[in-house]
Amino acid sequence: MRTSRETRTFWWDRERPIAPEVPPLRAVVFDIDALGEIDADGDPTPRAGLIDLVMSLFVAGIWVAVVSTGRRRRTQVMVRELIGDGLVETIVTGEDLPDGCPRRRTEAHRLALWELGVPPEQALAVVGTDRALRSAAEAGLPAVVIAPGRTPAFPDAAAVRRGYDGYTDGSGPLLAAGCQQLRRRWLTDRGLSAAS
């Protein structure tokens, strides 16, 4: 009786995974709208879990940048009140962009990456609006959307969360490891890697 044997495969015959190597996360670029909210007294307050996220990024050696199309002085004051001093590597505002720049938010993301010396595939954006999500995507960045109210559909986002702490949607706190995982998943789902 003759039995059929499986053909032997070698490593070069096997199908390779889509993204065998995803470069490490080196920077997270926050849109100013994703950092906090204005309370009843008109003062900015950080979203719950924001400080834990920024501290975990700092400890992991991942740079933090903030972008805004507003004025530098106001943005610096907001960052100081919402995050504190010394944790943000760079702040890019509308004053840093050329006059008449048609896509100010997109260019702000690109300028932040340039100042950090980080390519888009090694960064993640955290945004608070649909417009900021589109701008991050135009700059080549995967983005996490922080939408505290009703969560609309954002099909291009790496993730949509109601907050950083994860209590409102049961997803757990967003920390550096979670940012790395979300970016890795977004890149591999799109077939992007270091080899691309």
N, C-alpha and C. Protein backbone atom coordinates (compact mmCIF):
# COMPACT_ATOMS: atom_id res chain seq x y z
N MET A 1 0.83 -1.16 0.00
CA MET A 1 0.00 0.00 0.00
C MET A 1 0.89 1.25 0.00
N ARG A 2 0.56 2.12 -0.87
CA ARG A 2 1.36 3.33 -1.04
C ARG A 2 0.65 4.50 -0.35
N THR A 3 1.37 5.23 0.46
CA THR A 3 0.79 6.39 1.14
C THR A 3 1.40 7.65 0.55
N SER A 4 0.60 8.65 0.53
CA SER A 4 1.13 9.92 0.01
C SER A 4 1.76 10.69 1.17
N ARG A 5 2.84 11.28 0.87
CA ARG A 5 3.57 12.03 1.86
C ARG A 5 3.46 13.52 1.55
N GLU A 6 3.37 14.31 2.62
CA GLU A 6 3.33 15.76 2.39
C GLU A 6 4.65 16.19 1.80
N THR A 7 4.56 17.13 0.90
CA THR A 7 5.80 17.65 0.33
C THR A 7 6.50 18.50 1.36
N ARG A 8 7.76 18.40 1.35
CA ARG A 8 8.58 19.15 2.30
C ARG A 8 8.70 20.59 1.83
N THR A 9 8.52 21.52 2.76
CA THR A 9 8.67 22.93 2.40
C THR A 9 9.89 23.49 3.10
N PHE A 10 10.52 24.38 2.42
CA PHE A 10 11.67 25.05 2.99
C PHE A 10 11.27 26.48 3.34
N TRP A 11 12.10 27.13 4.11
CA TRP A 11 11.75 28.47 4.58
C TRP A 11 11.53 29.44 3.43
N TRP A 12 12.23 29.29 2.34
CA TRP A 12 12.07 30.23 1.22
C TRP A 12 10.81 29.95 0.42
N ASP A 13 10.19 28.78 0.64
CA ASP A 13 8.94 28.46 -0.04
C ASP A 13 7.71 28.92 0.75
N ARG A 14 7.89 29.18 2.01
CA ARG A 14 6.76 29.55 2.85
C ARG A 14 6.34 30.99 2.58
N GLU A 15 5.05 31.20 2.76
CA GLU A 15 4.53 32.55 2.59
C GLU A 15 5.02 33.42 3.74
N ARG A 16 5.49 34.58 3.40
CA ARG A 16 6.00 35.49 4.42
C ARG A 16 4.88 36.34 4.98
N PRO A 17 4.99 36.71 6.25
CA PRO A 17 3.98 37.61 6.80
C PRO A 17 4.03 38.97 6.11
N ILE A 18 2.93 39.66 6.15
CA ILE A 18 2.83 40.95 5.46
C ILE A 18 3.84 41.95 6.01
N ALA A 19 3.94 42.06 7.31
CA ALA A 19 4.82 43.05 7.92
C ALA A 19 5.71 42.38 8.96
N PRO A 20 6.80 41.76 8.53
CA PRO A 20 7.63 41.03 9.48
C PRO A 20 8.28 41.94 10.52
N GLU A 21 8.60 43.15 10.14
CA GLU A 21 9.24 44.05 11.08
C GLU A 21 8.54 45.40 11.06
N VAL A 22 8.03 45.77 12.19
CA VAL A 22 7.44 47.09 12.33
C VAL A 22 8.41 47.92 13.16
N PRO A 23 8.81 49.08 12.66
CA PRO A 23 9.78 49.89 13.40
C PRO A 23 9.21 50.31 14.75
N PRO A 24 10.07 50.57 15.72
CA PRO A 24 9.59 50.93 17.06
C PRO A 24 8.92 52.30 17.07
N LEU A 25 8.03 52.48 18.01
CA LEU A 25 7.38 53.77 18.20
C LEU A 25 8.38 54.72 18.85
N ARG A 26 8.60 55.87 18.22
CA ARG A 26 9.57 56.83 18.75
C ARG A 26 8.94 58.15 19.16
N ALA A 27 7.70 58.43 18.70
CA ALA A 27 7.08 59.71 19.05
C ALA A 27 5.56 59.59 19.01
N VAL A 28 4.92 60.36 19.89
CA VAL A 28 3.46 60.51 19.88
C VAL A 28 3.18 62.00 19.74
N VAL A 29 2.38 62.34 18.73
CA VAL A 29 2.06 63.73 18.43
C VAL A 29 0.61 63.98 18.83
N PHE A 30 0.40 64.81 19.84
CA PHE A 30 -0.93 65.14 20.32
C PHE A 30 -1.44 66.39 19.62
N ASP A 31 -2.69 66.36 19.19
CA ASP A 31 -3.36 67.57 18.75
C ASP A 31 -3.86 68.27 20.01
N ILE A 32 -3.79 69.57 20.06
CA ILE A 32 -4.15 70.32 21.27
C ILE A 32 -5.57 70.00 21.72
N ASP A 33 -6.48 69.70 20.78
CA ASP A 33 -7.87 69.40 21.11
C ASP A 33 -8.03 68.09 21.87
N ALA A 34 -7.05 67.20 21.79
CA ALA A 34 -7.14 65.91 22.45
C ALA A 34 -6.63 65.95 23.89
N LEU A 35 -6.02 67.04 24.29
CA LEU A 35 -5.40 67.09 25.62
C LEU A 35 -6.39 67.31 26.75
N GLY A 36 -7.33 68.20 26.56
CA GLY A 36 -8.20 68.53 27.68
C GLY A 36 -9.49 69.16 27.26
N GLU A 37 -10.20 69.61 28.27
CA GLU A 37 -11.49 70.25 28.06
C GLU A 37 -11.50 71.55 28.87
N ILE A 38 -12.40 72.41 28.55
CA ILE A 38 -12.59 73.65 29.30
C ILE A 38 -13.69 73.40 30.33
N ASP A 39 -13.38 73.62 31.62
CA ASP A 39 -14.37 73.37 32.66
C ASP A 39 -15.35 74.53 32.77
N ALA A 40 -16.26 74.44 33.74
CA ALA A 40 -17.32 75.45 33.90
C ALA A 40 -16.76 76.83 34.19
N ASP A 41 -15.58 76.90 34.80
CA ASP A 41 -14.97 78.19 35.12
C ASP A 41 -14.17 78.76 33.96
N GLY A 42 -14.08 78.02 32.86
CA GLY A 42 -13.32 78.48 31.71
C GLY A 42 -11.85 78.11 31.76
N ASP A 43 -11.48 77.25 32.70
CA ASP A 43 -10.09 76.81 32.82
C ASP A 43 -9.90 75.47 32.12
N PRO A 44 -8.74 75.27 31.48
CA PRO A 44 -8.49 73.96 30.86
C PRO A 44 -8.19 72.90 31.92
N THR A 45 -8.78 71.72 31.74
CA THR A 45 -8.51 70.59 32.63
C THR A 45 -8.10 69.41 31.77
N PRO A 46 -7.08 68.65 32.20
CA PRO A 46 -6.65 67.51 31.40
C PRO A 46 -7.70 66.40 31.42
N ARG A 47 -7.80 65.70 30.33
CA ARG A 47 -8.69 64.54 30.29
C ARG A 47 -8.14 63.48 31.25
N ALA A 48 -9.05 62.71 31.84
CA ALA A 48 -8.65 61.69 32.80
C ALA A 48 -7.70 60.69 32.13
N GLY A 49 -6.57 60.45 32.76
CA GLY A 49 -5.60 59.49 32.26
C GLY A 49 -4.53 60.09 31.37
N LEU A 50 -4.66 61.37 31.00
CA LEU A 50 -3.67 62.00 30.11
C LEU A 50 -2.28 62.02 30.75
N ILE A 51 -2.20 62.42 32.01
CA ILE A 51 -0.90 62.52 32.68
C ILE A 51 -0.25 61.15 32.78
N ASP A 52 -1.04 60.10 33.08
CA ASP A 52 -0.48 58.75 33.14
C ASP A 52 0.09 58.33 31.79
N LEU A 53 -0.62 58.65 30.71
CA LEU A 53 -0.13 58.32 29.37
C LEU A 53 1.17 59.05 29.07
N VAL A 54 1.20 60.36 29.31
CA VAL A 54 2.40 61.14 29.00
C VAL A 54 3.58 60.66 29.85
N MET A 55 3.34 60.36 31.11
CA MET A 55 4.43 59.86 31.97
C MET A 55 4.93 58.50 31.49
N SER A 56 4.03 57.62 31.06
CA SER A 56 4.47 56.31 30.57
C SER A 56 5.27 56.45 29.28
N LEU A 57 4.89 57.41 28.43
CA LEU A 57 5.66 57.66 27.21
C LEU A 57 7.04 58.19 27.57
N PHE A 58 7.11 59.10 28.52
CA PHE A 58 8.38 59.68 28.96
C PHE A 58 9.31 58.59 29.51
N VAL A 59 8.77 57.73 30.36
CA VAL A 59 9.56 56.65 30.95
C VAL A 59 10.03 55.66 29.88
N ALA A 60 9.20 55.42 28.86
CA ALA A 60 9.55 54.49 27.79
C ALA A 60 10.52 55.10 26.77
N GLY A 61 10.83 56.39 26.92
CA GLY A 61 11.75 57.04 25.99
C GLY A 61 11.11 57.43 24.68
N ILE A 62 9.79 57.57 24.69
CA ILE A 62 9.04 57.96 23.49
C ILE A 62 8.76 59.46 23.58
N TRP A 63 9.17 60.20 22.56
CA TRP A 63 9.02 61.65 22.57
C TRP A 63 7.56 62.05 22.43
N VAL A 64 7.24 63.18 23.03
CA VAL A 64 5.89 63.74 22.97
C VAL A 64 5.96 65.10 22.29
N ALA A 65 5.06 65.31 21.34
CA ALA A 65 4.94 66.61 20.66
C ALA A 65 3.49 67.04 20.73
N VAL A 66 3.26 68.34 20.67
CA VAL A 66 1.91 68.89 20.64
C VAL A 66 1.82 69.83 19.44
N VAL A 67 0.72 69.69 18.67
CA VAL A 67 0.50 70.57 17.53
C VAL A 67 -0.80 71.35 17.72
N SER A 68 -0.78 72.57 17.22
CA SER A 68 -1.95 73.44 17.29
C SER A 68 -1.86 74.45 16.16
N THR A 69 -3.00 74.85 15.65
CA THR A 69 -2.99 75.91 14.63
C THR A 69 -3.17 77.27 15.28
N GLY A 70 -3.25 77.29 16.61
CA GLY A 70 -3.42 78.54 17.34
C GLY A 70 -2.11 79.27 17.56
N ARG A 71 -2.15 80.25 18.44
CA ARG A 71 -0.99 81.08 18.74
C ARG A 71 -0.07 80.37 19.73
N ARG A 72 1.22 80.62 19.60
CA ARG A 72 2.23 79.95 20.42
C ARG A 72 2.03 80.21 21.91
N ARG A 73 1.85 81.45 22.29
CA ARG A 73 1.74 81.80 23.72
C ARG A 73 0.59 81.05 24.37
N ARG A 74 -0.56 81.07 23.74
CA ARG A 74 -1.74 80.39 24.30
C ARG A 74 -1.52 78.88 24.35
N THR A 75 -0.93 78.31 23.31
CA THR A 75 -0.68 76.87 23.27
C THR A 75 0.30 76.47 24.36
N GLN A 76 1.37 77.23 24.54
CA GLN A 76 2.34 76.91 25.59
C GLN A 76 1.71 76.96 26.98
N VAL A 77 0.86 77.94 27.21
CA VAL A 77 0.18 78.03 28.50
C VAL A 77 -0.72 76.82 28.71
N MET A 78 -1.47 76.44 27.68
CA MET A 78 -2.35 75.27 27.80
C MET A 78 -1.56 74.00 28.06
N VAL A 79 -0.46 73.81 27.33
CA VAL A 79 0.36 72.61 27.53
C VAL A 79 0.92 72.60 28.95
N ARG A 80 1.38 73.73 29.43
CA ARG A 80 1.92 73.82 30.78
C ARG A 80 0.84 73.47 31.82
N GLU A 81 -0.38 73.97 31.62
CA GLU A 81 -1.46 73.70 32.56
C GLU A 81 -1.98 72.27 32.48
N LEU A 82 -2.00 71.69 31.27
CA LEU A 82 -2.58 70.36 31.10
C LEU A 82 -1.58 69.23 31.33
N ILE A 83 -0.32 69.43 30.97
CA ILE A 83 0.67 68.36 31.06
C ILE A 83 1.76 68.68 32.07
N GLY A 84 2.20 69.92 32.09
CA GLY A 84 3.30 70.31 32.96
C GLY A 84 4.52 70.66 32.14
N ASP A 85 5.58 71.02 32.83
CA ASP A 85 6.83 71.41 32.17
C ASP A 85 7.76 70.22 31.99
N GLY A 86 8.51 70.23 30.90
CA GLY A 86 9.58 69.27 30.70
C GLY A 86 9.21 67.93 30.10
N LEU A 87 7.95 67.69 29.83
CA LEU A 87 7.55 66.39 29.29
C LEU A 87 7.30 66.42 27.79
N VAL A 88 7.11 67.61 27.24
CA VAL A 88 6.85 67.75 25.81
C VAL A 88 8.13 68.18 25.11
N GLU A 89 8.54 67.40 24.13
CA GLU A 89 9.78 67.66 23.41
C GLU A 89 9.68 68.87 22.49
N THR A 90 8.55 68.98 21.79
CA THR A 90 8.38 70.11 20.87
C THR A 90 6.91 70.50 20.79
N ILE A 91 6.68 71.79 20.56
CA ILE A 91 5.34 72.33 20.34
C ILE A 91 5.38 73.06 19.01
N VAL A 92 4.46 72.70 18.12
CA VAL A 92 4.35 73.36 16.81
C VAL A 92 3.01 74.08 16.78
N THR A 93 3.06 75.37 16.46
CA THR A 93 1.83 76.17 16.41
C THR A 93 1.66 76.78 15.03
N GLY A 94 0.55 77.46 14.86
CA GLY A 94 0.28 78.14 13.60
C GLY A 94 1.32 79.19 13.26
N GLU A 95 1.97 79.75 14.27
CA GLU A 95 3.00 80.76 14.04
C GLU A 95 4.27 80.17 13.43
N ASP A 96 4.44 78.85 13.54
CA ASP A 96 5.62 78.19 12.97
C ASP A 96 5.44 77.86 11.50
N LEU A 97 4.23 78.01 11.00
CA LEU A 97 3.92 77.64 9.62
C LEU A 97 3.96 78.86 8.72
N PRO A 98 4.28 78.67 7.44
CA PRO A 98 4.31 79.82 6.53
C PRO A 98 2.92 80.43 6.34
N ASP A 99 2.89 81.73 6.12
CA ASP A 99 1.61 82.41 5.87
C ASP A 99 0.97 81.84 4.61
N GLY A 100 -0.33 81.66 4.66
CA GLY A 100 -1.05 81.16 3.50
C GLY A 100 -0.93 79.66 3.31
N CYS A 101 -0.41 78.95 4.28
CA CYS A 101 -0.27 77.49 4.20
C CYS A 101 -1.68 76.88 4.12
N PRO A 102 -2.00 76.13 3.04
CA PRO A 102 -3.37 75.66 2.85
C PRO A 102 -3.79 74.56 3.83
N ARG A 103 -2.91 73.70 4.23
CA ARG A 103 -3.25 72.59 5.13
C ARG A 103 -2.46 72.75 6.42
N ARG A 104 -2.90 73.65 7.25
CA ARG A 104 -2.13 74.02 8.43
C ARG A 104 -1.96 72.87 9.41
N ARG A 105 -3.02 72.13 9.69
CA ARG A 105 -2.90 71.02 10.65
C ARG A 105 -1.99 69.93 10.12
N THR A 106 -2.12 69.60 8.85
CA THR A 106 -1.26 68.58 8.25
C THR A 106 0.19 69.01 8.30
N GLU A 107 0.45 70.25 7.94
CA GLU A 107 1.83 70.75 7.97
C GLU A 107 2.36 70.85 9.39
N ALA A 108 1.49 71.11 10.35
CA ALA A 108 1.92 71.14 11.75
C ALA A 108 2.40 69.75 12.18
N HIS A 109 1.67 68.70 11.79
CA HIS A 109 2.09 67.33 12.10
C HIS A 109 3.44 67.03 11.42
N ARG A 110 3.56 67.39 10.16
CA ARG A 110 4.82 67.13 9.44
C ARG A 110 5.99 67.88 10.06
N LEU A 111 5.77 69.13 10.45
CA LEU A 111 6.84 69.92 11.06
C LEU A 111 7.24 69.34 12.41
N ALA A 112 6.28 68.87 13.19
CA ALA A 112 6.61 68.24 14.48
C ALA A 112 7.48 67.00 14.26
N LEU A 113 7.13 66.18 13.28
CA LEU A 113 7.94 65.00 12.97
C LEU A 113 9.34 65.40 12.51
N TRP A 114 9.42 66.44 11.69
CA TRP A 114 10.72 66.90 11.20
C TRP A 114 11.57 67.40 12.37
N GLU A 115 10.97 68.17 13.28
CA GLU A 115 11.72 68.67 14.43
C GLU A 115 12.22 67.53 15.32
N LEU A 116 11.45 66.46 15.41
CA LEU A 116 11.86 65.31 16.21
C LEU A 116 12.82 64.39 15.46
N GLY A 117 12.87 64.52 14.13
CA GLY A 117 13.71 63.64 13.33
C GLY A 117 13.15 62.23 13.23
N VAL A 118 11.82 62.14 13.21
CA VAL A 118 11.13 60.84 13.23
C VAL A 118 10.28 60.71 11.97
N PRO A 119 10.39 59.59 11.24
CA PRO A 119 9.50 59.39 10.08
C PRO A 119 8.09 59.02 10.55
N PRO A 120 7.08 59.24 9.72
CA PRO A 120 5.69 58.97 10.12
C PRO A 120 5.44 57.53 10.56
N GLU A 121 6.14 56.57 9.97
CA GLU A 121 5.89 55.17 10.35
C GLU A 121 6.42 54.83 11.73
N GLN A 122 7.13 55.75 12.37
CA GLN A 122 7.62 55.52 13.73
C GLN A 122 6.92 56.44 14.73
N ALA A 123 5.75 56.95 14.35
CA ALA A 123 5.03 57.87 15.22
C ALA A 123 3.54 57.52 15.24
N LEU A 124 2.86 58.08 16.21
CA LEU A 124 1.42 57.91 16.37
C LEU A 124 0.83 59.27 16.71
N ALA A 125 -0.30 59.59 16.14
CA ALA A 125 -0.99 60.85 16.46
C ALA A 125 -2.14 60.54 17.41
N VAL A 126 -2.40 61.47 18.32
CA VAL A 126 -3.57 61.39 19.19
C VAL A 126 -4.37 62.66 18.91
N VAL A 127 -5.59 62.48 18.43
CA VAL A 127 -6.40 63.61 17.98
C VAL A 127 -7.75 63.62 18.68
N GLY A 128 -8.42 64.77 18.61
CA GLY A 128 -9.71 64.90 19.25
C GLY A 128 -10.86 65.22 18.32
N THR A 129 -10.56 65.44 17.03
CA THR A 129 -11.61 65.81 16.08
C THR A 129 -11.41 65.05 14.77
N ASP A 130 -12.49 65.01 13.99
CA ASP A 130 -12.43 64.38 12.67
C ASP A 130 -11.46 65.12 11.76
N ARG A 131 -11.46 66.44 11.84
CA ARG A 131 -10.55 67.25 11.02
C ARG A 131 -9.09 66.94 11.36
N ALA A 132 -8.79 66.81 12.64
CA ALA A 132 -7.42 66.48 13.05
C ALA A 132 -7.04 65.06 12.61
N LEU A 133 -8.01 64.14 12.60
CA LEU A 133 -7.75 62.78 12.12
C LEU A 133 -7.38 62.81 10.64
N ARG A 134 -8.11 63.57 9.83
CA ARG A 134 -7.79 63.68 8.41
C ARG A 134 -6.40 64.29 8.21
N SER A 135 -6.07 65.29 9.01
CA SER A 135 -4.75 65.93 8.90
C SER A 135 -3.63 64.97 9.25
N ALA A 136 -3.82 64.19 10.30
CA ALA A 136 -2.81 63.20 10.68
C ALA A 136 -2.64 62.16 9.58
N ALA A 137 -3.76 61.72 9.00
CA ALA A 137 -3.69 60.74 7.92
C ALA A 137 -2.97 61.31 6.71
N GLU A 138 -3.22 62.58 6.38
CA GLU A 138 -2.53 63.22 5.26
C GLU A 138 -1.03 63.33 5.52
N ALA A 139 -0.64 63.41 6.78
CA ALA A 139 0.78 63.45 7.14
C ALA A 139 1.38 62.06 7.23
N GLY A 140 0.57 61.02 7.01
CA GLY A 140 1.06 59.64 7.03
C GLY A 140 1.07 59.01 8.41
N LEU A 141 0.37 59.60 9.36
CA LEU A 141 0.38 59.10 10.74
C LEU A 141 -0.85 58.26 11.06
N PRO A 142 -0.67 57.11 11.71
CA PRO A 142 -1.82 56.44 12.30
C PRO A 142 -2.29 57.29 13.47
N ALA A 143 -3.58 57.27 13.76
CA ALA A 143 -4.10 58.15 14.80
C ALA A 143 -5.09 57.45 15.71
N VAL A 144 -5.02 57.80 16.98
CA VAL A 144 -6.01 57.39 17.98
C VAL A 144 -6.92 58.59 18.18
N VAL A 145 -8.22 58.37 18.09
CA VAL A 145 -9.19 59.45 18.28
C VAL A 145 -9.72 59.37 19.70
N ILE A 146 -9.64 60.48 20.42
CA ILE A 146 -10.23 60.58 21.76
C ILE A 146 -11.52 61.37 21.60
N ALA A 147 -12.64 60.67 21.68
CA ALA A 147 -13.96 61.28 21.49
C ALA A 147 -14.79 61.01 22.74
N PRO A 148 -14.80 61.95 23.71
CA PRO A 148 -15.43 61.67 24.99
C PRO A 148 -16.95 61.52 24.95
N GLY A 149 -17.61 62.14 24.03
CA GLY A 149 -19.07 62.03 23.94
C GLY A 149 -19.46 60.75 23.22
N ARG A 150 -20.54 60.85 22.46
CA ARG A 150 -20.92 59.71 21.63
C ARG A 150 -19.79 59.46 20.65
N THR A 151 -19.45 58.21 20.48
CA THR A 151 -18.32 57.87 19.63
C THR A 151 -18.80 57.59 18.21
N PRO A 152 -18.57 58.52 17.28
CA PRO A 152 -18.94 58.27 15.89
C PRO A 152 -17.95 57.30 15.24
N ALA A 153 -18.26 56.87 14.06
CA ALA A 153 -17.38 55.94 13.35
C ALA A 153 -16.22 56.72 12.73
N PHE A 154 -15.02 56.24 12.97
CA PHE A 154 -13.81 56.79 12.37
C PHE A 154 -13.07 55.62 11.73
N PRO A 155 -13.43 55.22 10.51
CA PRO A 155 -12.85 54.01 9.93
C PRO A 155 -11.34 54.08 9.69
N ASP A 156 -10.78 55.27 9.54
CA ASP A 156 -9.35 55.39 9.27
C ASP A 156 -8.50 55.44 10.54
N ALA A 157 -9.13 55.46 11.70
CA ALA A 157 -8.39 55.60 12.95
C ALA A 157 -7.79 54.27 13.38
N ALA A 158 -6.65 54.34 14.06
CA ALA A 158 -6.04 53.15 14.65
C ALA A 158 -6.92 52.66 15.79
N ALA A 159 -7.57 53.58 16.49
CA ALA A 159 -8.51 53.25 17.57
C ALA A 159 -9.35 54.48 17.86
N VAL A 160 -10.53 54.23 18.40
CA VAL A 160 -11.40 55.31 18.87
C VAL A 160 -11.71 55.01 20.33
N ARG A 161 -11.40 55.95 21.19
CA ARG A 161 -11.60 55.77 22.63
C ARG A 161 -12.37 56.96 23.18
N ARG A 162 -13.04 56.73 24.28
CA ARG A 162 -13.77 57.83 24.92
C ARG A 162 -12.87 58.63 25.85
N GLY A 163 -11.75 58.07 26.22
CA GLY A 163 -10.83 58.78 27.10
C GLY A 163 -9.53 58.01 27.23
N TYR A 164 -8.60 58.60 27.94
CA TYR A 164 -7.31 57.96 28.14
C TYR A 164 -7.36 56.91 29.24
N ASP A 165 -8.24 57.12 30.22
CA ASP A 165 -8.27 56.21 31.36
C ASP A 165 -8.98 54.90 31.06
N GLY A 166 -9.85 54.88 30.07
CA GLY A 166 -10.52 53.65 29.66
C GLY A 166 -11.69 53.24 30.54
N TYR A 167 -12.04 54.03 31.54
CA TYR A 167 -13.13 53.65 32.43
C TYR A 167 -14.49 53.78 31.76
N THR A 168 -14.66 54.75 30.90
CA THR A 168 -15.96 54.98 30.29
C THR A 168 -16.30 53.95 29.22
N ASP A 169 -15.29 53.37 28.57
CA ASP A 169 -15.58 52.38 27.54
C ASP A 169 -15.05 50.99 27.88
N GLY A 170 -14.46 50.82 29.06
CA GLY A 170 -14.00 49.51 29.50
C GLY A 170 -12.77 49.00 28.79
N SER A 171 -12.04 49.86 28.11
CA SER A 171 -10.87 49.41 27.34
C SER A 171 -9.58 49.42 28.15
N GLY A 172 -9.61 49.93 29.36
CA GLY A 172 -8.40 50.03 30.17
C GLY A 172 -7.62 51.27 29.81
N PRO A 173 -6.69 51.65 30.66
CA PRO A 173 -5.94 52.89 30.41
C PRO A 173 -5.04 52.77 29.18
N LEU A 174 -4.91 53.88 28.47
CA LEU A 174 -4.00 53.95 27.33
C LEU A 174 -2.64 54.38 27.85
N LEU A 175 -1.65 53.51 27.69
CA LEU A 175 -0.28 53.78 28.12
C LEU A 175 0.66 53.56 26.95
N ALA A 176 1.96 53.69 27.17
CA ALA A 176 2.94 53.57 26.09
C ALA A 176 2.83 52.23 25.37
N ALA A 177 2.70 51.14 26.11
CA ALA A 177 2.61 49.82 25.48
C ALA A 177 1.36 49.72 24.60
N GLY A 178 0.26 50.31 25.04
CA GLY A 178 -0.96 50.31 24.24
C GLY A 178 -0.81 51.12 22.96
N CYS A 179 -0.09 52.25 23.05
CA CYS A 179 0.18 53.06 21.86
C CYS A 179 1.00 52.26 20.85
N GLN A 180 2.01 51.55 21.35
CA GLN A 180 2.84 50.74 20.46
C GLN A 180 2.02 49.65 19.79
N GLN A 181 1.15 49.02 20.56
CA GLN A 181 0.32 47.94 20.01
C GLN A 181 -0.67 48.47 18.97
N LEU A 182 -1.32 49.59 19.26
CA LEU A 182 -2.27 50.16 18.30
C LEU A 182 -1.59 50.54 17.00
N ARG A 183 -0.42 51.16 17.09
CA ARG A 183 0.31 51.56 15.88
C ARG A 183 0.77 50.34 15.09
N ARG A 184 1.27 49.32 15.80
CA ARG A 184 1.71 48.09 15.13
C ARG A 184 0.55 47.44 14.39
N ARG A 185 -0.60 47.36 15.05
CA ARG A 185 -1.77 46.75 14.41
C ARG A 185 -2.20 47.56 13.19
N TRP A 186 -2.22 48.89 13.30
CA TRP A 186 -2.61 49.75 12.19
C TRP A 186 -1.67 49.55 11.01
N LEU A 187 -0.36 49.49 11.26
CA LEU A 187 0.61 49.31 10.18
C LEU A 187 0.49 47.94 9.53
N THR A 188 0.35 46.89 10.34
CA THR A 188 0.27 45.54 9.77
C THR A 188 -1.05 45.33 9.03
N ASP A 189 -2.13 45.94 9.50
CA ASP A 189 -3.41 45.83 8.79
C ASP A 189 -3.33 46.46 7.40
N ARG A 190 -2.47 47.43 7.23
CA ARG A 190 -2.31 48.10 5.94
C ARG A 190 -1.12 47.57 5.15
N GLY A 191 -0.44 46.57 5.68
CA GLY A 191 0.68 45.97 4.96
C GLY A 191 1.92 46.84 4.93
N LEU A 192 2.06 47.72 5.91
CA LEU A 192 3.23 48.60 5.97
C LEU A 192 4.22 48.05 6.98
N SER A 193 5.49 48.18 6.68
CA SER A 193 6.53 47.73 7.60
C SER A 193 7.81 48.46 7.29
N ALA A 194 8.85 48.08 7.98
CA ALA A 194 10.16 48.69 7.74
C ALA A 194 10.67 48.35 6.35
N ALA A 195 10.25 47.20 5.83
CA ALA A 195 10.72 46.77 4.52
C ALA A 195 9.99 47.47 3.38
N SER A 196 8.85 48.10 3.67
CA SER A 196 8.06 48.75 2.61
C SER A 196 8.76 49.95 2.05
